C-alpha cells in the first residue's frame, strides 16, 4: 500500500506518556535528561488514539522513556485505548500499580510487565536507586493485582522481568522463586 502512495498506519504503537520516572535505575539511558520531561496531553492523545484505531492500529504499549504510570491520567488512557478496540499493555516499575490503579485498569490490559531487577531489597535499592520501601510495595502491588485478576476473571497476563546486570545476576534464582 505504501509503495502505491497510500497512507498506512502501524499495527502496533509504543507510547511514552511521560518523560520522567520515580526511580533512577543504574542502567537507564534516561538519566541524561534529568527526569524532568513533559506529559502528553490526555485529550490530544485520545484524539490521536481514536484516529489510530480508525486506521487499523491493533495494539498499544504504554512504556517509553520514563515510568508510564506517573502520567496523571494513565488509568483513564488505558481504559480509553481498550474501549477503541485496541489491545493495550504496559511496562512499569510497579510502584504505582496499587489496588486503586489495578481496580481502574487491570481489566483493560492484555498484559503488564513489572521491571523488578533484583531478588532482595538491598540489591533492588542499589539497581533501582529508589526508596527502600519500594521493594515491598511492588511485591504487595503484584500480589494484590494477581488476587484482583483472579477475583474478577480478567485475562490480563501479569509478569515480572529482569534486566540481567553484574549487580543482580546472582539473584535471578531468588527473584524467580
Protein backbone atom coordinates (compact mmCIF):
# COMPACT_ATOMS: atom_id res chain seq x y z
CA UNK A 1 0.00 0.00 0.00
CA UNK A 2 2.82 2.37 0.85
CA UNK A 3 4.54 1.65 -2.46
CA UNK A 4 1.30 2.65 -4.17
CA UNK A 5 1.34 6.04 -2.43
CA UNK A 6 -1.34 5.19 0.11
CA UNK A 7 -1.20 6.32 3.71
CA UNK A 8 -0.51 3.41 6.00
CA UNK A 9 -0.54 3.09 9.77
CA UNK A 10 1.38 0.76 12.04
CA UNK A 11 -0.42 -2.16 13.63
CA UNK A 12 1.43 -1.54 16.92
CA UNK A 13 2.43 1.64 18.74
CA UNK A 14 4.65 2.14 21.76
CA UNK A 15 3.72 5.32 23.57
CA UNK A 16 5.76 7.03 26.28
CA UNK A 17 3.11 9.14 28.03
CA UNK A 18 5.63 10.90 30.29
CA UNK A 19 9.26 11.86 30.22
CA UNK A 20 10.03 11.31 33.89
CA UNK A 21 10.34 8.48 36.39
CA UNK A 22 10.05 7.79 40.10
CA UNK A 23 13.21 5.61 40.05
CA UNK A 24 16.79 6.29 38.97
CA UNK A 25 17.86 2.86 37.72
CA UNK A 26 21.57 2.43 37.13
CA UNK A 27 21.02 1.12 33.59
CA UNK A 28 18.58 3.75 32.37
CA UNK A 29 19.66 5.89 29.44
CA UNK A 30 17.07 8.44 30.56
CA UNK A 31 19.48 9.79 33.17
CA UNK A 32 20.94 12.33 30.77
CA UNK A 33 17.57 14.11 30.52
CA UNK A 34 17.46 14.83 34.27
CA UNK A 35 13.99 13.23 34.68
CA UNK A 36 12.09 16.47 34.14
CA UNK A 37 10.26 15.62 30.96
CA UNK A 38 6.72 16.54 29.98
CA UNK A 39 3.49 14.55 29.92
CA UNK A 40 1.48 14.00 26.77
CA UNK A 41 -1.77 15.95 26.90
CA UNK A 42 -4.58 13.50 27.66
CA UNK A 43 -7.12 14.97 25.23
CA UNK A 44 -4.57 15.20 22.41
CA UNK A 45 -3.55 11.59 22.98
CA UNK A 46 -7.18 10.46 23.00
CA UNK A 47 -7.72 12.17 19.64
CA UNK A 48 -4.60 10.51 18.23
CA UNK A 49 -5.65 7.11 19.58
CA UNK A 50 -9.13 7.49 18.05
CA UNK A 51 -7.54 8.28 14.70
CA UNK A 52 -5.14 5.36 15.05
CA UNK A 53 -7.98 2.96 15.83
CA UNK A 54 -9.90 4.12 12.76
CA UNK A 55 -6.84 3.39 10.64
CA UNK A 56 -6.16 -0.12 11.87
CA UNK A 57 -3.80 0.14 14.82
CA UNK A 58 -4.24 -3.12 16.73
CA UNK A 59 -2.18 -2.66 19.89
CA UNK A 60 -0.56 -0.03 22.09
CA UNK A 61 2.05 -0.48 24.77
CA UNK A 62 2.49 2.31 27.27
CA UNK A 63 6.19 2.40 28.08
CA UNK A 64 8.92 4.61 26.70
CA UNK A 65 11.34 6.99 28.34
CA UNK A 66 10.05 7.23 31.85
CA UNK A 67 7.54 5.49 34.09
CA UNK A 68 4.18 5.42 32.26
CA UNK A 69 2.16 5.20 35.48
CA UNK A 70 3.48 8.62 36.52
CA UNK A 71 1.09 10.14 33.95
CA UNK A 72 -1.82 11.51 35.97
CA UNK A 73 -4.43 10.03 33.60
CA UNK A 74 -2.79 6.72 32.69
CA UNK A 75 -5.63 4.54 34.02
CA UNK A 76 -8.11 6.60 32.01
CA UNK A 77 -5.88 6.34 28.92
CA UNK A 78 -5.58 2.58 29.29
CA UNK A 79 -9.35 2.07 29.55
CA UNK A 80 -9.96 4.55 26.72
CA UNK A 81 -7.49 2.73 24.49
CA UNK A 82 -9.23 -0.58 25.18
CA UNK A 83 -12.64 0.99 24.51
CA UNK A 84 -11.44 1.77 20.99
CA UNK A 85 -10.86 -1.92 20.34
CA UNK A 86 -7.09 -1.61 20.67
CA UNK A 87 -5.22 -4.19 22.75
CA UNK A 88 -3.30 -2.36 25.45
CA UNK A 89 -0.34 -3.29 27.62
CA UNK A 90 2.21 -1.56 29.80
CA UNK A 91 5.65 -1.95 31.26
CA UNK A 92 6.22 -0.36 34.65
CA UNK A 93 8.38 -0.48 37.73
CA UNK A 94 5.17 -1.38 39.57
CA UNK A 95 5.42 1.11 42.43
CA UNK A 96 2.27 3.00 41.40
CA UNK A 97 0.28 -0.09 40.33
CA UNK A 98 -1.54 -0.19 43.65
CA UNK A 99 -5.01 -1.53 44.43
CA UNK A 100 -6.70 1.62 43.15
CA UNK A 101 -4.80 1.60 39.86
CA UNK A 102 -5.44 -2.13 39.38
CA UNK A 103 -9.17 -1.68 40.01
CA UNK A 104 -9.31 1.08 37.39
CA UNK A 105 -7.46 -0.55 34.54
CA UNK A 106 -6.39 -4.19 35.08
CA UNK A 107 -9.46 -5.42 33.20
CA UNK A 108 -8.44 -3.37 30.17
CA UNK A 109 -4.86 -4.60 29.98
CA UNK A 110 -3.79 -7.55 27.84
CA UNK A 111 -0.58 -7.75 29.84
CA UNK A 112 1.54 -5.87 32.32
CA UNK A 113 5.27 -6.39 32.87
CA UNK A 114 6.94 -5.14 36.01
CA UNK A 115 10.64 -4.35 35.81
CA UNK A 116 11.88 -5.91 39.04
CA UNK A 117 15.62 -6.13 38.79
CA UNK A 118 16.68 -7.95 41.95
CA UNK A 119 15.77 -10.76 44.28
CA UNK A 120 16.50 -8.90 47.50
CA UNK A 121 15.59 -5.50 48.84
CA UNK A 122 19.24 -4.48 49.17
CA UNK A 123 20.12 -5.17 45.55
CA UNK A 124 16.80 -3.74 44.35
CA UNK A 125 17.60 -0.42 46.03
CA UNK A 126 21.11 -0.39 44.50
CA UNK A 127 19.86 -1.17 40.99
CA UNK A 128 16.67 0.92 41.02
CA UNK A 129 18.17 3.72 43.16
CA UNK A 130 14.88 4.23 44.93
CA UNK A 131 13.12 4.35 48.27
CA UNK A 132 13.87 1.10 50.18
CA UNK A 133 10.12 0.68 50.79
CA UNK A 134 9.52 0.33 47.04
CA UNK A 135 10.66 -3.32 47.02
CA UNK A 136 7.92 -4.37 49.46
CA UNK A 137 5.42 -2.03 47.82
CA UNK A 138 5.93 -3.66 44.42
CA UNK A 139 5.63 -7.16 45.88
CA UNK A 140 2.40 -6.11 47.61
CA UNK A 141 1.10 -4.47 44.42
CA UNK A 142 1.80 -7.60 42.37
CA UNK A 143 0.12 -9.79 44.98
CA UNK A 144 -2.96 -7.55 45.01
CA UNK A 145 -3.06 -7.44 41.20
CA UNK A 146 -2.95 -11.25 40.96
CA UNK A 147 -5.73 -11.55 43.55
CA UNK A 148 -7.80 -8.85 41.82
CA UNK A 149 -7.34 -10.58 38.46
CA UNK A 150 -8.49 -13.92 39.87
CA UNK A 151 -11.46 -12.41 41.72
CA UNK A 152 -12.74 -10.65 38.59
CA UNK A 153 -11.76 -13.26 36.00
CA UNK A 154 -9.59 -10.87 33.99
CA UNK A 155 -7.43 -12.25 31.20
CA UNK A 156 -4.50 -9.87 31.79
CA UNK A 157 -1.13 -11.61 31.95
CA UNK A 158 0.86 -10.27 34.89
CA UNK A 159 4.59 -10.72 34.59
CA UNK A 160 7.92 -9.69 36.01
CA UNK A 161 11.04 -9.03 34.00
CA UNK A 162 14.67 -8.56 34.95
CA UNK A 163 17.48 -6.83 33.13
CA UNK A 164 20.49 -9.05 33.78
CA UNK A 165 23.33 -6.97 35.20
CA UNK A 166 26.57 -7.77 37.01
CA UNK A 167 24.95 -6.25 40.12
CA UNK A 168 21.94 -8.62 40.10
CA UNK A 169 22.95 -11.76 38.19
CA UNK A 170 23.47 -13.74 41.39
CA UNK A 171 19.83 -13.07 42.41
CA UNK A 172 18.00 -14.40 39.37
CA UNK A 173 17.05 -17.67 41.13
CA UNK A 174 15.86 -15.72 44.17
CA UNK A 175 13.70 -13.45 42.04
CA UNK A 176 12.27 -16.41 40.12
CA UNK A 177 11.35 -18.11 43.39
